[in-house]
Protein backbone atom coordinates (compact mmCIF):
# COMPACT_ATOMS: atom_id res chain seq x y z
CA MET A 1 -173.55 2.54 -130.64
CA PHE A 2 -173.34 -0.73 -128.70
CA LEU A 3 -170.08 -1.68 -130.44
CA ARG A 4 -168.57 1.70 -129.60
CA VAL A 5 -169.49 1.30 -125.92
CA TRP A 6 -168.14 -2.26 -125.98
CA GLY A 7 -164.84 -1.03 -127.42
CA THR A 8 -164.65 1.81 -124.89
CA VAL A 9 -165.25 -0.52 -121.94
CA GLU A 10 -162.63 -2.95 -123.24
CA GLY A 11 -160.18 -0.11 -123.74
CA TRP A 12 -160.70 1.11 -120.18
CA LEU A 13 -160.30 -2.39 -118.76
CA VAL A 14 -157.09 -2.94 -120.73
CA GLY A 15 -155.82 0.45 -119.57
CA LEU A 16 -156.69 -0.29 -115.94
CA CYS A 17 -154.92 -3.65 -116.11
CA GLY A 18 -151.85 -1.95 -117.55
CA LEU A 19 -151.91 0.91 -115.04
CA ALA A 20 -152.41 -1.41 -112.06
CA GLY A 21 -149.57 -3.64 -113.30
CA LEU A 22 -147.29 -0.63 -113.76
CA LEU A 23 -148.09 0.77 -110.31
CA LEU A 24 -147.46 -2.61 -108.71
CA ALA A 25 -144.15 -2.92 -110.57
CA VAL A 26 -143.04 0.51 -109.38
CA TYR A 27 -144.13 -0.29 -105.82
CA GLN A 28 -142.32 -3.62 -105.95
CA MET A 29 -139.12 -2.03 -107.24
CA ILE A 30 -139.12 0.81 -104.69
CA SER A 31 -140.05 -1.39 -101.75
CA ARG A 32 -137.46 -4.03 -102.62
CA TYR A 33 -134.57 -1.58 -102.34
CA ALA A 34 -135.78 1.38 -100.29
CA PHE A 35 -138.32 -0.16 -97.90
CA PRO A 36 -137.67 -3.91 -97.62
CA ASP A 37 -140.06 -4.21 -94.67
CA TYR A 38 -142.93 -3.32 -97.04
CA PHE A 39 -141.91 -5.75 -99.78
CA VAL A 40 -144.66 -8.23 -100.69
CA ASP A 41 -144.22 -11.60 -102.37
CA TRP A 42 -147.40 -11.44 -104.43
CA ALA A 43 -146.77 -8.30 -106.51
CA GLU A 44 -144.85 -10.00 -109.32
CA GLU A 45 -147.53 -12.67 -109.58
CA SER A 46 -150.25 -10.03 -109.72
CA ILE A 47 -148.37 -8.10 -112.41
CA VAL A 48 -148.32 -11.22 -114.59
CA TYR A 49 -152.06 -11.76 -114.03
CA LEU A 50 -152.85 -8.16 -114.94
CA VAL A 51 -150.68 -8.15 -118.07
CA VAL A 52 -152.09 -11.46 -119.29
CA TRP A 53 -155.70 -10.37 -118.64
CA GLY A 54 -155.03 -7.05 -120.39
CA SER A 55 -153.52 -8.83 -123.39
CA TRP A 56 -156.47 -11.19 -123.78
CA LEU A 57 -158.95 -8.33 -123.48
CA ALA A 58 -157.00 -6.25 -125.99
CA SER A 59 -157.14 -9.04 -128.57
CA SER A 60 -160.88 -8.52 -128.99
CA GLY A 61 -160.36 -4.87 -129.91
CA LEU A 62 -157.66 -5.88 -132.37
CA VAL A 63 -160.10 -8.15 -134.17
CA ALA A 64 -162.72 -5.38 -134.20
CA THR A 65 -160.36 -2.91 -135.85
CA ASP A 66 -158.75 -5.42 -138.24
CA ARG A 67 -155.38 -5.13 -136.52
CA HIS A 68 -155.03 -8.68 -135.23
CA VAL A 69 -151.99 -10.67 -136.35
CA ARG A 70 -152.48 -11.95 -139.87
CA ALA A 71 -150.63 -12.49 -143.09
CA ASP A 72 -152.31 -10.10 -145.49
CA LEU A 73 -149.52 -9.23 -147.92
CA VAL A 74 -150.78 -11.69 -150.54
CA ILE A 75 -154.44 -10.90 -149.83
CA ARG A 76 -153.89 -7.23 -150.65
CA LEU A 77 -152.60 -8.21 -154.08
CA LEU A 78 -155.84 -10.02 -154.98
CA PRO A 79 -158.79 -8.39 -156.77
CA LEU A 80 -161.45 -6.92 -154.44
CA ARG A 81 -163.92 -9.77 -154.98
CA ALA A 82 -161.26 -12.38 -154.14
CA GLN A 83 -160.21 -10.35 -151.08
CA HIS A 84 -163.81 -10.43 -149.94
CA TRP A 85 -164.03 -14.22 -150.20
CA VAL A 86 -160.68 -14.70 -148.49
CA GLU A 87 -161.85 -12.40 -145.67
CA LEU A 88 -165.03 -14.48 -145.32
CA VAL A 89 -163.02 -17.69 -145.02
CA ASN A 90 -160.54 -16.02 -142.65
CA THR A 91 -163.41 -14.81 -140.47
CA LEU A 92 -165.07 -18.23 -140.38
CA VAL A 93 -161.75 -19.83 -139.39
CA GLY A 94 -161.36 -17.17 -136.68
CA ILE A 95 -164.84 -17.94 -135.32
CA VAL A 96 -164.18 -21.68 -135.20
CA PHE A 97 -160.68 -21.36 -133.74
CA CYS A 98 -161.62 -18.83 -131.05
CA GLY A 99 -164.78 -20.76 -130.23
CA VAL A 100 -162.81 -23.98 -129.71
CA VAL A 101 -160.17 -22.24 -127.59
CA ALA A 102 -162.93 -20.59 -125.50
CA TRP A 103 -164.59 -23.99 -125.00
CA ILE A 104 -161.31 -25.61 -123.92
CA GLY A 105 -160.64 -22.60 -121.68
CA ILE A 106 -163.96 -23.15 -119.93
CA ASP A 107 -162.91 -26.73 -119.22
CA ILE A 108 -159.61 -25.50 -117.74
CA VAL A 109 -161.39 -22.92 -115.57
CA THR A 110 -163.91 -25.51 -114.38
CA LEU A 111 -161.16 -28.00 -113.50
CA SER A 112 -159.21 -25.33 -111.61
CA TRP A 113 -162.40 -24.38 -109.73
CA ASP A 114 -163.15 -28.03 -108.89
CA LEU A 115 -159.61 -28.62 -107.62
CA ASP A 116 -159.61 -25.30 -105.71
CA GLU A 117 -156.23 -24.59 -107.28
CA ARG A 118 -154.51 -21.56 -105.77
CA SER A 119 -151.31 -19.60 -106.37
CA THR A 120 -148.23 -20.37 -104.26
CA SER A 121 -147.67 -16.84 -102.98
CA SER A 122 -149.21 -15.44 -99.81
CA LEU A 123 -151.98 -14.05 -102.05
CA ARG A 124 -153.33 -17.60 -102.55
CA MET A 125 -155.29 -16.38 -105.54
CA PRO A 126 -157.78 -18.87 -106.98
CA MET A 127 -156.21 -19.84 -110.28
CA TRP A 128 -159.56 -20.13 -112.04
CA ILE A 129 -159.67 -16.32 -112.00
CA TYR A 130 -156.36 -16.19 -113.85
CA PHE A 131 -157.29 -19.00 -116.27
CA ALA A 132 -160.62 -17.32 -117.02
CA CYS A 133 -158.79 -14.82 -119.21
CA VAL A 134 -158.61 -17.46 -121.96
CA PRO A 135 -162.35 -18.17 -122.38
CA VAL A 136 -163.26 -14.53 -121.74
CA GLY A 137 -160.71 -13.20 -124.25
CA THR A 138 -161.43 -15.76 -126.95
CA GLY A 139 -165.16 -15.51 -126.28
CA LEU A 140 -164.98 -11.76 -126.91
CA MET A 141 -162.88 -12.41 -130.01
CA THR A 142 -165.48 -14.91 -131.24
CA LEU A 143 -168.21 -12.29 -130.84
CA ARG A 144 -166.05 -9.75 -132.69
CA TYR A 145 -165.52 -12.24 -135.52
CA VAL A 146 -169.29 -12.83 -135.68
CA CYS A 147 -169.81 -9.05 -135.99
CA ARG A 148 -167.14 -9.03 -138.69
CA LEU A 149 -168.88 -11.90 -140.51
CA TRP A 150 -172.16 -9.99 -140.40
CA ARG A 151 -170.52 -6.95 -141.98
CA LEU A 152 -168.84 -9.08 -144.64
CA LEU A 153 -172.09 -10.82 -145.53
CA ALA A 154 -173.86 -7.47 -145.81
CA HIS A 155 -171.05 -6.11 -148.01
CA ARG A 156 -171.05 -6.91 -151.73
CA GLY A 157 -167.28 -7.24 -152.04
CA ASP A 158 -166.84 -4.74 -154.88
CA ALA A 159 -165.25 -2.09 -152.67
CA PRO A 160 -162.80 -2.22 -149.78
CA ILE A 161 -164.38 -2.72 -146.37
CA ASP A 162 -162.99 -0.87 -143.38
CA PHE A 163 -163.50 -2.62 -140.04
CA GLY A 164 -162.35 0.36 -138.01
CA GLY A 165 -158.67 0.04 -138.79
CA THR A 166 -157.06 0.70 -142.10
CA SER A 167 -158.44 -0.74 -145.29
CA HIS A 168 -156.22 -3.41 -146.81
CA ALA A 169 -157.28 -2.98 -150.39
CA HIS A 170 -155.13 -1.02 -152.82
């Protein structure tokens, strides 16, 4: 239940980021040519922030449904037991990698906060808000990998496991 709500909230946030970015892009395009007096210099910057935030948030859902970028052609050719062990190793590597990137991201956010770094447009957005997408996104991915690890450890490995996407075993 909790995981379903988590996925729904993430999906809505990703959708809102995409919709807001799209609406800003349309506004920017129309105002640039039809209403130049209403053109703003911060829309393009905001579109980038929204798309980047949406992408980082979406990556967590991709891990949850086993759709994140990975080379699984060879893995699918292995026997089920071997696939299980490879998935365990893959998941542990994902936890470590995302955890390290989240930790480094926190350092970047903290530095940006300490320096009071701001964007160059009239928006003057605090850059720590933008940079926070890295530790938030990888933190969520780390949690998803931990959930994945839990499922793998509870699974015997003698049948394909479906993480919400498509099963990779044949």
